[in-house]
Amino acid sequence: MATPPAGGKPASKYESAAKIAAGEIESERGAAEATDDESSISPAAREAELTLDIVGTFDAMAQVQRKLHKLQHQRITALSECEVLPWTTERCYDKLRLESIELLKRVRLSSTRIEHLVEQLYELNRRLVIEEGRLLRLAETVGLRRREFLEHYMGNELAADWLERVGVLPGRGWACLPDKAPEIAKHRTAIAQIAAEAKLPIAEFRRVVQTVQRGEREASRAKKEMVEANLRLVIAIAKKYANRSPQFLDLIQEGNIGLMKAVDKFEYRRGYKFS
């Protein structure tokens, strides 16, 4: 087992995490803060400074997350038991959530890390869609229409007494639904597990997924517009070499490939302009 150097303190798990993440996470540094003195800092000193910044941010995030996770568990438990949390608890939750967001803004995740997190989110959503689809098909086997089922299901995804309540609703389909209790319980348990992993009620989790999907659509549209707007530049440059090798179309193709790579690496957060 490794021991700390004499007179030193053992590295915290957050310091270790910061070093591992050094290749993919760096603190946001505004252009306005850049000075001539910073350019003279050695790479080793700069790395040490960034590591301290990241460790401090990670420590603060860990403290906030511990409190936030506790409240998230309380909120999910309250929904499953059809209880309402005190408004003070909800206010505390909102405050911690906003604080967590502000801390997260102080670090910048690499594209690879963001893609990994989005994929995790989508994997949970795929599992949710599958389980809810199976619930809907069970409802249809007893004669319930899709719209009718969703009207009484949405917002009650985690309620423990949901089947008992809908079982007394008027209509033959609702009366027959409790006959499917074992299968329904299996799917609703899986849905509750998804909520526990996401640390969000199902309704809020859906909103998060929709927000991410909307952001991806907007980013894709912006990327397409950026490429189309700069394609004229590629063609204009290629025309200057039209009578030389390689061929004109090959020049345009190579220019487009370079343009796509530039768009993918475009860092708007640093104040760069694409032109």
C-alpha atoms as a PDB file:
ATOM      1  CA  MET A   1       0.000   0.000   0.000  1.00  0.00           C
ATOM      2  CA  ALA A   2       1.463   3.370  -0.999  1.00  0.00           C
ATOM      3  CA  THR A   3       2.386   5.757   1.824  1.00  0.00           C
ATOM      4  CA  PRO A   4       2.412   9.568   1.664  1.00  0.00           C
ATOM      5  CA  PRO A   5       5.796  11.337   1.577  1.00  0.00           C
ATOM      6  CA  ALA A   6       7.299  12.293   4.940  1.00  0.00           C
ATOM      7  CA  GLY A   7       5.754  15.444   6.345  1.00  0.00           C
ATOM      8  CA  GLY A   8       3.055  15.444   3.677  1.00  0.00           C
ATOM      9  CA  LYS A   9      -0.630  14.653   3.679  1.00  0.00           C
ATOM     10  CA  PRO A  10      -2.122  11.682   1.856  1.00  0.00           C
ATOM     11  CA  ALA A  11      -3.674  12.639  -1.442  1.00  0.00           C
ATOM     12  CA  SER A  12      -7.444  12.806  -1.242  1.00  0.00           C
ATOM     13  CA  LYS A  13      -9.581  10.821  -3.643  1.00  0.00           C
ATOM     14  CA  TYR A  14     -10.574  14.119  -5.235  1.00  0.00           C
ATOM     15  CA  GLU A  15      -6.928  14.968  -5.976  1.00  0.00           C
ATOM     16  CA  SER A  16      -6.527  11.580  -7.632  1.00  0.00           C
ATOM     17  CA  ALA A  17      -9.707  12.135  -9.621  1.00  0.00           C
ATOM     18  CA  ALA A  18      -8.467  15.554 -10.671  1.00  0.00           C
ATOM     19  CA  LYS A  19      -5.208  14.131 -11.997  1.00  0.00           C
ATOM     20  CA  ILE A  20      -7.027  11.401 -13.904  1.00  0.00           C
ATOM     21  CA  ALA A  21      -9.410  13.976 -15.351  1.00  0.00           C
ATOM     22  CA  ALA A  22      -6.635  16.424 -16.255  1.00  0.00           C
ATOM     23  CA  GLY A  23      -6.722  15.297 -19.870  1.00  0.00           C
ATOM     24  CA  GLU A  24     -10.446  15.873 -20.250  1.00  0.00           C
ATOM     25  CA  ILE A  25     -11.475  18.515 -17.713  1.00  0.00           C
ATOM     26  CA  GLU A  26      -9.981  21.968 -17.181  1.00  0.00           C
ATOM     27  CA  SER A  27     -11.186  24.960 -15.243  1.00  0.00           C
ATOM     28  CA  GLU A  28     -12.891  27.694 -17.216  1.00  0.00           C
ATOM     29  CA  ARG A  29     -10.509  30.630 -17.459  1.00  0.00           C
ATOM     30  CA  GLY A  30     -11.954  33.805 -18.942  1.00  0.00           C
ATOM     31  CA  ALA A  31      -9.983  35.737 -21.515  1.00  0.00           C
ATOM     32  CA  ALA A  32     -10.331  38.854 -19.395  1.00  0.00           C
ATOM     33  CA  GLU A  33      -8.281  37.236 -16.616  1.00  0.00           C
ATOM     34  CA  ALA A  34      -5.312  36.486 -18.860  1.00  0.00           C
ATOM     35  CA  THR A  35      -2.246  38.647 -18.088  1.00  0.00           C
ATOM     36  CA  ASP A  36       1.330  38.893 -19.289  1.00  0.00           C
ATOM     37  CA  ASP A  37       2.521  37.291 -16.047  1.00  0.00           C
ATOM     38  CA  GLU A  38       0.534  34.123 -16.776  1.00  0.00           C
ATOM     39  CA  SER A  39       2.495  33.530 -19.971  1.00  0.00           C
ATOM     40  CA  SER A  40       5.699  33.283 -17.945  1.00  0.00           C
ATOM     41  CA  ILE A  41       4.371  30.544 -15.617  1.00  0.00           C
ATOM     42  CA  SER A  42       6.074  27.223 -16.205  1.00  0.00           C
ATOM     43  CA  PRO A  43       3.941  24.309 -17.433  1.00  0.00           C
ATOM     44  CA  ALA A  44       4.525  22.438 -14.151  1.00  0.00           C
ATOM     45  CA  ALA A  45       3.399  25.410 -12.060  1.00  0.00           C
ATOM     46  CA  ARG A  46       0.409  25.942 -14.319  1.00  0.00           C
ATOM     47  CA  GLU A  47      -0.568  22.284 -14.012  1.00  0.00           C
ATOM     48  CA  ALA A  48      -0.272  22.477 -10.214  1.00  0.00           C
ATOM     49  CA  GLU A  49      -2.467  25.588 -10.171  1.00  0.00           C
ATOM     50  CA  LEU A  50      -5.110  23.956 -12.349  1.00  0.00           C
ATOM     51  CA  THR A  51      -5.014  20.816 -10.210  1.00  0.00           C
ATOM     52  CA  LEU A  52      -5.639  22.854  -7.051  1.00  0.00           C
ATOM     53  CA  ASP A  53      -8.530  24.654  -8.752  1.00  0.00           C
ATOM     54  CA  ILE A  54     -10.071  21.377  -9.874  1.00  0.00           C
ATOM     55  CA  VAL A  55      -9.572  19.738  -6.469  1.00  0.00           C
ATOM     56  CA  GLY A  56     -11.253  22.687  -4.760  1.00  0.00           C
ATOM     57  CA  THR A  57     -14.173  22.535  -7.164  1.00  0.00           C
ATOM     58  CA  PHE A  58     -14.488  18.757  -6.760  1.00  0.00           C
ATOM     59  CA  ASP A  59     -14.452  19.062  -2.960  1.00  0.00           C
ATOM     60  CA  ALA A  60     -17.214  21.686  -3.061  1.00  0.00           C
ATOM     61  CA  MET A  61     -19.242  19.610  -5.524  1.00  0.00           C
ATOM     62  CA  ALA A  62     -18.874  16.507  -3.341  1.00  0.00           C
ATOM     63  CA  GLN A  63     -20.250  18.354  -0.319  1.00  0.00           C
ATOM     64  CA  VAL A  64     -23.204  19.709  -2.271  1.00  0.00           C
ATOM     65  CA  GLN A  65     -23.906  16.346  -3.907  1.00  0.00           C
ATOM     66  CA  ARG A  66     -24.021  14.527  -0.565  1.00  0.00           C
ATOM     67  CA  LYS A  67     -26.754  16.874   0.635  1.00  0.00           C
ATOM     68  CA  LEU A  68     -28.501  16.834  -2.731  1.00  0.00           C
ATOM     69  CA  HIS A  69     -28.574  13.030  -2.980  1.00  0.00           C
ATOM     70  CA  LYS A  70     -30.185  12.814   0.446  1.00  0.00           C
ATOM     71  CA  LEU A  71     -32.974  15.176  -0.618  1.00  0.00           C
ATOM     72  CA  GLN A  72     -33.356  13.409  -3.965  1.00  0.00           C
ATOM     73  CA  HIS A  73     -33.942  10.138  -2.120  1.00  0.00           C
ATOM     74  CA  GLN A  74     -36.530  11.836   0.102  1.00  0.00           C
ATOM     75  CA  ARG A  75     -38.376  13.236  -2.922  1.00  0.00           C
ATOM     76  CA  ILE A  76     -38.543   9.871  -4.699  1.00  0.00           C
ATOM     77  CA  THR A  77     -39.640   8.123  -1.494  1.00  0.00           C
ATOM     78  CA  ALA A  78     -42.357  10.726  -0.932  1.00  0.00           C
ATOM     79  CA  LEU A  79     -43.704  10.178  -4.449  1.00  0.00           C
ATOM     80  CA  SER A  80     -43.822   6.408  -3.987  1.00  0.00           C
ATOM     81  CA  GLU A  81     -45.729   6.843  -0.721  1.00  0.00           C
ATOM     82  CA  CYS A  82     -48.040   9.541  -2.151  1.00  0.00           C
ATOM     83  CA  GLU A  83     -46.778  12.093   0.347  1.00  0.00           C
ATOM     84  CA  VAL A  84     -45.966  15.775  -0.082  1.00  0.00           C
ATOM     85  CA  LEU A  85     -42.656  17.103   1.187  1.00  0.00           C
ATOM     86  CA  PRO A  86     -42.601  20.337   3.222  1.00  0.00           C
ATOM     87  CA  TRP A  87     -42.047  23.433   1.115  1.00  0.00           C
ATOM     88  CA  THR A  88     -38.864  24.130   3.069  1.00  0.00           C
ATOM     89  CA  THR A  89     -37.416  20.831   1.846  1.00  0.00           C
ATOM     90  CA  GLU A  90     -38.293  21.636  -1.760  1.00  0.00           C
ATOM     91  CA  ARG A  91     -36.762  25.094  -1.390  1.00  0.00           C
ATOM     92  CA  CYS A  92     -33.578  23.581   0.038  1.00  0.00           C
ATOM     93  CA  TYR A  93     -33.488  21.102  -2.856  1.00  0.00           C
ATOM     94  CA  ASP A  94     -33.815  23.884  -5.442  1.00  0.00           C
ATOM     95  CA  LYS A  95     -31.061  25.881  -3.735  1.00  0.00           C
ATOM     96  CA  LEU A  96     -28.657  22.932  -3.706  1.00  0.00           C
ATOM     97  CA  ARG A  97     -29.488  22.066  -7.311  1.00  0.00           C
ATOM     98  CA  LEU A  98     -28.680  25.604  -8.475  1.00  0.00           C
ATOM     99  CA  GLU A  99     -25.492  25.597  -6.409  1.00  0.00           C
ATOM    100  CA  SER A 100     -24.467  22.327  -8.041  1.00  0.00           C
ATOM    101  CA  ILE A 101     -25.089  23.801 -11.495  1.00  0.00           C
ATOM    102  CA  GLU A 102     -22.946  26.849 -10.713  1.00  0.00           C
ATOM    103  CA  LEU A 103     -20.087  24.638  -9.528  1.00  0.00           C
ATOM    104  CA  LEU A 104     -20.354  22.509 -12.650  1.00  0.00           C
ATOM    105  CA  LYS A 105     -20.015  25.635 -14.786  1.00  0.00           C
ATOM    106  CA  ARG A 106     -16.544  26.130 -13.317  1.00  0.00           C
ATOM    107  CA  VAL A 107     -15.225  23.042 -15.080  1.00  0.00           C
ATOM    108  CA  ARG A 108     -15.287  22.161 -18.737  1.00  0.00           C
ATOM    109  CA  LEU A 109     -15.913  18.586 -19.769  1.00  0.00           C
ATOM    110  CA  SER A 110     -14.312  17.202 -22.898  1.00  0.00           C
ATOM    111  CA  SER A 111     -16.528  16.232 -25.812  1.00  0.00           C
ATOM    112  CA  THR A 112     -15.776  12.572 -25.125  1.00  0.00           C
ATOM    113  CA  ARG A 113     -16.932  12.845 -21.511  1.00  0.00           C
ATOM    114  CA  ILE A 114     -20.095  14.717 -22.500  1.00  0.00           C
ATOM    115  CA  GLU A 115     -20.923  12.066 -25.094  1.00  0.00           C
ATOM    116  CA  HIS A 116     -20.424   9.369 -22.453  1.00  0.00           C
ATOM    117  CA  LEU A 117     -22.773  11.127 -20.007  1.00  0.00           C
ATOM    118  CA  VAL A 118     -25.398  11.662 -22.698  1.00  0.00           C
ATOM    119  CA  GLU A 119     -25.176   7.993 -23.662  1.00  0.00           C
ATOM    120  CA  GLN A 120     -25.751   7.021 -20.009  1.00  0.00           C
ATOM    121  CA  LEU A 121     -28.808   9.280 -19.942  1.00  0.00           C
ATOM    122  CA  TYR A 122     -30.156   7.789 -23.161  1.00  0.00           C
ATOM    123  CA  GLU A 123     -29.545   4.246 -21.923  1.00  0.00           C
ATOM    124  CA  LEU A 124     -31.719   4.946 -18.865  1.00  0.00           C
ATOM    125  CA  ASN A 125     -34.336   6.456 -21.156  1.00  0.00           C
ATOM    126  CA  ARG A 126     -34.286   3.390 -23.423  1.00  0.00           C
ATOM    127  CA  ARG A 127     -34.904   1.168 -20.417  1.00  0.00           C
ATOM    128  CA  LEU A 128     -37.759   3.426 -19.315  1.00  0.00           C
ATOM    129  CA  VAL A 129     -39.381   3.377 -22.756  1.00  0.00           C
ATOM    130  CA  ILE A 130     -39.179  -0.430 -22.852  1.00  0.00           C
ATOM    131  CA  GLU A 131     -40.754  -0.898 -19.410  1.00  0.00           C
ATOM    132  CA  GLU A 132     -43.502   1.644 -20.013  1.00  0.00           C
ATOM    133  CA  GLY A 133     -44.201   0.096 -23.411  1.00  0.00           C
ATOM    134  CA  ARG A 134     -44.707  -3.279 -21.747  1.00  0.00           C
ATOM    135  CA  LEU A 135     -47.059  -1.717 -19.197  1.00  0.00           C
ATOM    136  CA  LEU A 136     -49.066  -0.142 -21.997  1.00  0.00           C
ATOM    137  CA  ARG A 137     -49.352  -3.450 -23.855  1.00  0.00           C
ATOM    138  CA  LEU A 138     -50.605  -5.126 -20.669  1.00  0.00           C
ATOM    139  CA  ALA A 139     -53.248  -2.423 -20.362  1.00  0.00           C
ATOM    140  CA  GLU A 140     -54.304  -2.928 -23.968  1.00  0.00           C
ATOM    141  CA  THR A 141     -54.746  -6.682 -23.405  1.00  0.00           C
ATOM    142  CA  VAL A 142     -57.517  -5.930 -20.879  1.00  0.00           C
ATOM    143  CA  GLY A 143     -59.274  -3.500 -23.218  1.00  0.00           C
ATOM    144  CA  LEU A 144     -57.832  -0.148 -22.128  1.00  0.00           C
ATOM    145  CA  ARG A 145     -57.063   2.442 -24.779  1.00  0.00           C
ATOM    146  CA  ARG A 146     -53.630   4.063 -24.879  1.00  0.00           C
ATOM    147  CA  ARG A 147     -54.898   7.560 -24.139  1.00  0.00           C
ATOM    148  CA  GLU A 148     -57.065   6.330 -21.270  1.00  0.00           C
ATOM    149  CA  PHE A 149     -54.183   4.438 -19.691  1.00  0.00           C
ATOM    150  CA  LEU A 150     -51.674   7.282 -19.999  1.00  0.00           C
ATOM    151  CA  GLU A 151     -54.148   9.748 -18.515  1.00  0.00           C
ATOM    152  CA  HIS A 152     -54.095   7.857 -15.219  1.00  0.00           C
ATOM    153  CA  TYR A 153     -50.489   6.658 -15.411  1.00  0.00           C
ATOM    154  CA  MET A 154     -48.499   9.823 -16.136  1.00  0.00           C
ATOM    155  CA  GLY A 155     -47.516  11.510 -12.897  1.00  0.00           C
ATOM    156  CA  ASN A 156     -48.172   8.344 -10.886  1.00  0.00           C
ATOM    157  CA  GLU A 157     -45.205   6.315 -12.114  1.00  0.00           C
ATOM    158  CA  LEU A 158     -43.817   5.726  -8.611  1.00  0.00           C
ATOM    159  CA  ALA A 159     -47.026   5.694  -6.551  1.00  0.00           C
ATOM    160  CA  ALA A 160     -47.133   2.412  -4.623  1.00  0.00           C
ATOM    161  CA  ASP A 161     -50.950   2.338  -4.487  1.00  0.00           C
ATOM    162  CA  TRP A 162     -51.486   3.176  -8.166  1.00  0.00           C
ATOM    163  CA  LEU A 163     -52.875  -0.236  -9.153  1.00  0.00           C
ATOM    164  CA  GLU A 164     -55.322  -0.220  -6.242  1.00  0.00           C
ATOM    165  CA  ARG A 165     -56.610   3.217  -7.191  1.00  0.00           C
ATOM    166  CA  VAL A 166     -57.049   2.556 -10.905  1.00  0.00           C
ATOM    167  CA  GLY A 167     -58.566  -0.872 -10.222  1.00  0.00           C
ATOM    168  CA  VAL A 168     -61.762   0.760  -8.917  1.00  0.00           C
ATOM    169  CA  LEU A 169     -62.175   3.165 -11.829  1.00  0.00           C
ATOM    170  CA  PRO A 170     -65.324   2.668 -13.936  1.00  0.00           C
ATOM    171  CA  GLY A 171     -64.906   0.459 -16.952  1.00  0.00           C
ATOM    172  CA  ARG A 172     -64.292  -3.238 -17.481  1.00  0.00           C
ATOM    173  CA  GLY A 173     -60.677  -2.682 -18.503  1.00  0.00           C
ATOM    174  CA  TRP A 174     -59.711  -1.060 -15.209  1.00  0.00           C
ATOM    175  CA  ALA A 175     -61.459  -3.775 -13.233  1.00  0.00           C
ATOM    176  CA  CYS A 176     -59.445  -6.444 -15.080  1.00  0.00           C
ATOM    177  CA  LEU A 177     -56.093  -4.680 -14.735  1.00  0.00           C
ATOM    178  CA  PRO A 178     -55.401  -5.994 -11.181  1.00  0.00           C
ATOM    179  CA  ASP A 179     -55.443  -9.510 -12.680  1.00  0.00           C
ATOM    180  CA  LYS A 180     -52.099  -8.568 -14.226  1.00  0.00           C
ATOM    181  CA  ALA A 181     -50.694  -7.491 -10.856  1.00  0.00           C
ATOM    182  CA  PRO A 182     -47.533  -9.699 -10.847  1.00  0.00           C
ATOM    183  CA  GLU A 183     -46.446  -8.547 -14.316  1.00  0.00           C
ATOM    184  CA  ILE A 184     -47.325  -4.928 -13.583  1.00  0.00           C
ATOM    185  CA  ALA A 185     -45.368  -5.040 -10.322  1.00  0.00           C
ATOM    186  CA  LYS A 186     -42.289  -6.344 -12.149  1.00  0.00           C
ATOM    187  CA  HIS A 187     -42.309  -3.514 -14.684  1.00  0.00           C
ATOM    188  CA  ARG A 188     -43.072  -0.825 -12.104  1.00  0.00           C
ATOM    189  CA  THR A 189     -40.207  -2.081  -9.929  1.00  0.00           C
ATOM    190  CA  ALA A 190     -37.896  -1.699 -12.924  1.00  0.00           C
ATOM    191  CA  ILE A 191     -39.199   1.839 -13.454  1.00  0.00           C
ATOM    192  CA  ALA A 192     -38.596   2.672  -9.784  1.00  0.00           C
ATOM    193  CA  GLN A 193     -35.023   1.405 -10.197  1.00  0.00           C
ATOM    194  CA  ILE A 194     -34.517   3.767 -13.133  1.00  0.00           C
ATOM    195  CA  ALA A 195     -35.745   6.676 -11.012  1.00  0.00           C
ATOM    196  CA  ALA A 196     -33.318   5.662  -8.252  1.00  0.00           C
ATOM    197  CA  GLU A 197     -30.389   5.531 -10.695  1.00  0.00           C
ATOM    198  CA  ALA A 198     -31.315   8.870 -12.249  1.00  0.00           C
ATOM    199  CA  LYS A 199     -32.002  10.313  -8.766  1.00  0.00           C
ATOM    200  CA  LEU A 200     -35.034  12.024 -10.248  1.00  0.00           C
ATOM    201  CA  PRO A 201     -38.773  11.432 -10.364  1.00  0.00           C
ATOM    202  CA  ILE A 202     -39.753   9.957 -13.715  1.00  0.00           C
ATOM    203  CA  ALA A 203     -41.546  13.125 -14.860  1.00  0.00           C
ATOM    204  CA  GLU A 204     -38.440  15.237 -14.184  1.00  0.00           C
ATOM    205  CA  PHE A 205     -36.203  12.644 -15.823  1.00  0.00           C
ATOM    206  CA  ARG A 206     -38.313  12.844 -18.996  1.00  0.00           C
ATOM    207  CA  ARG A 207     -37.916  16.635 -19.026  1.00  0.00           C
ATOM    208  CA  VAL A 208     -34.134  16.300 -18.721  1.00  0.00           C
ATOM    209  CA  VAL A 209     -34.052  13.875 -21.664  1.00  0.00           C
ATOM    210  CA  GLN A 210     -36.231  16.186 -23.756  1.00  0.00           C
ATOM    211  CA  THR A 211     -33.980  19.152 -22.934  1.00  0.00           C
ATOM    212  CA  VAL A 212     -30.858  17.238 -23.995  1.00  0.00           C
ATOM    213  CA  GLN A 213     -32.528  16.033 -27.196  1.00  0.00           C
ATOM    214  CA  ARG A 214     -33.630  19.575 -28.021  1.00  0.00           C
ATOM    215  CA  GLY A 215     -30.087  20.826 -27.410  1.00  0.00           C
ATOM    216  CA  GLU A 216     -28.655  18.163 -29.726  1.00  0.00           C
ATOM    217  CA  ARG A 217     -31.111  19.117 -32.463  1.00  0.00           C
ATOM    218  CA  GLU A 218     -30.193  22.792 -32.124  1.00  0.00           C
ATOM    219  CA  ALA A 219     -26.468  21.982 -32.138  1.00  0.00           C
ATOM    220  CA  SER A 220     -26.872  19.830 -35.244  1.00  0.00           C
ATOM    221  CA  ARG A 221     -28.802  22.583 -37.003  1.00  0.00           C
ATOM    222  CA  ALA A 222     -26.194  25.195 -36.032  1.00  0.00           C
ATOM    223  CA  LYS A 223     -23.392  22.933 -37.246  1.00  0.00           C
ATOM    224  CA  LYS A 224     -25.144  22.442 -40.580  1.00  0.00           C
ATOM    225  CA  GLU A 225     -25.667  26.191 -40.986  1.00  0.00           C
ATOM    226  CA  MET A 226     -22.020  26.858 -40.109  1.00  0.00           C
ATOM    227  CA  VAL A 227     -20.780  24.369 -42.690  1.00  0.00           C
ATOM    228  CA  GLU A 228     -23.101  25.714 -45.398  1.00  0.00           C
ATOM    229  CA  ALA A 229     -22.111  29.308 -44.642  1.00  0.00           C
ATOM    230  CA  ASN A 230     -18.395  28.522 -44.958  1.00  0.00           C
ATOM    231  CA  LEU A 231     -18.696  26.236 -47.988  1.00  0.00           C
ATOM    232  CA  ARG A 232     -18.519  29.305 -50.226  1.00  0.00           C
ATOM    233  CA  LEU A 233     -15.083  30.048 -48.789  1.00  0.00           C
ATOM    234  CA  VAL A 234     -13.864  26.550 -49.672  1.00  0.00           C
ATOM    235  CA  ILE A 235     -15.118  26.874 -53.255  1.00  0.00           C
ATOM    236  CA  ALA A 236     -13.618  30.358 -53.657  1.00  0.00           C
ATOM    237  CA  ILE A 237     -10.192  29.130 -52.556  1.00  0.00           C
ATOM    238  CA  ALA A 238     -10.431  25.979 -54.675  1.00  0.00           C
ATOM    239  CA  LYS A 239     -11.129  28.085 -57.797  1.00  0.00           C
ATOM    240  CA  LYS A 240      -7.679  29.646 -57.475  1.00  0.00           C
ATOM    241  CA  TYR A 241      -6.166  26.214 -58.029  1.00  0.00           C
ATOM    242  CA  ALA A 242      -8.641  24.988 -60.650  1.00  0.00           C
ATOM    243  CA  ASN A 243      -5.974  24.524 -63.334  1.00  0.00           C
ATOM    244  CA  ARG A 244      -3.551  22.668 -61.113  1.00  0.00           C
ATOM    245  CA  SER A 245      -3.526  19.211 -59.576  1.00  0.00           C
ATOM    246  CA  PRO A 246      -5.352  17.797 -57.724  1.00  0.00           C
ATOM    247  CA  GLN A 247      -8.688  18.073 -59.495  1.00  0.00           C
ATOM    248  CA  PHE A 248     -11.143  20.837 -58.625  1.00  0.00           C
ATOM    249  CA  LEU A 249     -13.689  18.475 -57.023  1.00  0.00           C
ATOM    250  CA  ASP A 250     -10.931  16.812 -55.015  1.00  0.00           C
ATOM    251  CA  LEU A 251      -9.893  20.214 -53.686  1.00  0.00           C
ATOM    252  CA  ILE A 252     -13.452  20.959 -52.603  1.00  0.00           C
ATOM    253  CA  GLN A 253     -13.754  17.551 -50.954  1.00  0.00           C
ATOM    254  CA  GLU A 254     -10.506  18.019 -49.019  1.00  0.00           C
ATOM    255  CA  GLY A 255     -11.570  21.518 -48.041  1.00  0.00           C
ATOM    256  CA  ASN A 256     -14.900  20.238 -46.776  1.00  0.00           C
ATOM    257  CA  ILE A 257     -13.200  17.544 -44.682  1.00  0.00           C
ATOM    258  CA  GLY A 258     -10.952  20.156 -43.089  1.00  0.00           C
ATOM    259  CA  LEU A 259     -13.946  22.407 -42.530  1.00  0.00           C
ATOM    260  CA  MET A 260     -15.906  19.663 -40.780  1.00  0.00           C
ATOM    261  CA  LYS A 261     -12.971  18.972 -38.459  1.00  0.00           C
ATOM    262  CA  ALA A 262     -12.712  22.677 -37.658  1.00  0.00           C
ATOM    263  CA  VAL A 263     -16.430  22.859 -36.867  1.00  0.00           C
ATOM    264  CA  ASP A 264     -16.195  19.836 -34.556  1.00  0.00           C
ATOM    265  CA  LYS A 265     -13.320  21.440 -32.625  1.00  0.00           C
ATOM    266  CA  PHE A 266     -14.886  24.915 -32.527  1.00  0.00           C
ATOM    267  CA  GLU A 267     -14.693  26.320 -28.957  1.00  0.00           C
ATOM    268  CA  TYR A 268     -17.279  29.070 -28.594  1.00  0.00           C
ATOM    269  CA  ARG A 269     -16.755  29.205 -24.801  1.00  0.00           C
ATOM    270  CA  ARG A 270     -13.288  30.676 -25.333  1.00  0.00           C
ATOM    271  CA  GLY A 271     -14.642  33.527 -27.389  1.00  0.00           C
ATOM    272  CA  TYR A 272     -13.377  32.190 -30.712  1.00  0.00           C
ATOM    273  CA  LYS A 273     -14.999  33.298 -33.940  1.00  0.00           C
ATOM    274  CA  PHE A 274     -15.482  30.977 -36.887  1.00  0.00           C
ATOM    275  CA  SER A 275     -14.815  32.709 -40.190  1.00  0.00           C
END
